[in-house]
Amino acid sequence: TPTCMGMLSPRGGHRRPPHRRDADGTAIFAMSDQKDVALEIHVTNLPSDPAAPQRDGDDAHEALLTATFPEELPYSAVRPYDAHAPADRPLLCVANANGSQVQCELGNPLPRGAQVRFYLILSTLGITLQTRDLAVELALSTISEQPGLAPVVARARVVIELPLSVTGVAVPPRLFFGGTVRGESAVRRESQVGSAVRYEVTVSNRGQSLKTLGSAFLTLLWPHELPSGKWLLYPLELELVAPPGPPAACSPAANPLRLALVRPPPARGH
């Protein structure tokens, strides 16, 4: 009785199960920068009743596995379950043009009592922030008599975890305020606001490019005003610098009072 089971797991530790499982037992992928994942395949040709092994079971002629993949997870390659174990013959898997389906020859025949284990390597390049679920259909076929040979579906849910980090520094690190205190209506120029402090925030991404996974947003909170409603740290300029493109504006816009800003003079050439 040929049977098949499949389990999706992150590549890099093939024998390692997915990070965690949902309440219903579905595997959960925590995607960060993996370029591919491994689908573990286990096919057996064992008697249907282990207590009566002689009742049924025979060699399965022209045993074939057909795996169908979602567009987010196309087929990439096939790998042995144990790279160091000697193989009787290399496993032959043939995929279609877009990698949405692959057929693997399991044996002609697949002997009675045999077990076949291997990995199908699948590319994650199609996974986006909108990807929530993945399902791979596994179907066995044989020209031998095998009633009720139903397909098996390997499922996984997807969670995107980007390795982003944020660091910040204030220049100068200490600030002392003094001078004439003016009401908001009396402030016209940048120099009347008070001593300047510059906060530099750096966001780093150690994973894959955000172009394939969507957009990232940074929310900054600072002591904006006193309980009385007076300004405390007035935002003169907010600027996002993301090379190689030009600086981008932030929202909401800085300098809500439209104060006159002092621009440094252009540097002279020698």
Foldseek 3Di string as FASTA:
>chain_A
DKDKDKAKDAPPCVVDHAPDADPVRAGAHADAFGFKIKIKMKIWQFAPDPVCRVPDTFWFAQKKKKKFWDLQWFWDDKFAPDNPDDDPDDWDKDADDSRRMIMIGPDRTQGYGDMGIIITMIGRLSDAQPAFKIKMKMFIDGPDDDPPRDIDIRMYTYHYDWPKDKDKDKVVNDDDWDDDDDAPVPAAAPVNPTDDMDMDMDMDTPHDDCVSYDDDDDDDDDCQADPVRHGDDAFAADWADDPPDDIDADPPGGDPVPHHYDDDDDDDDD
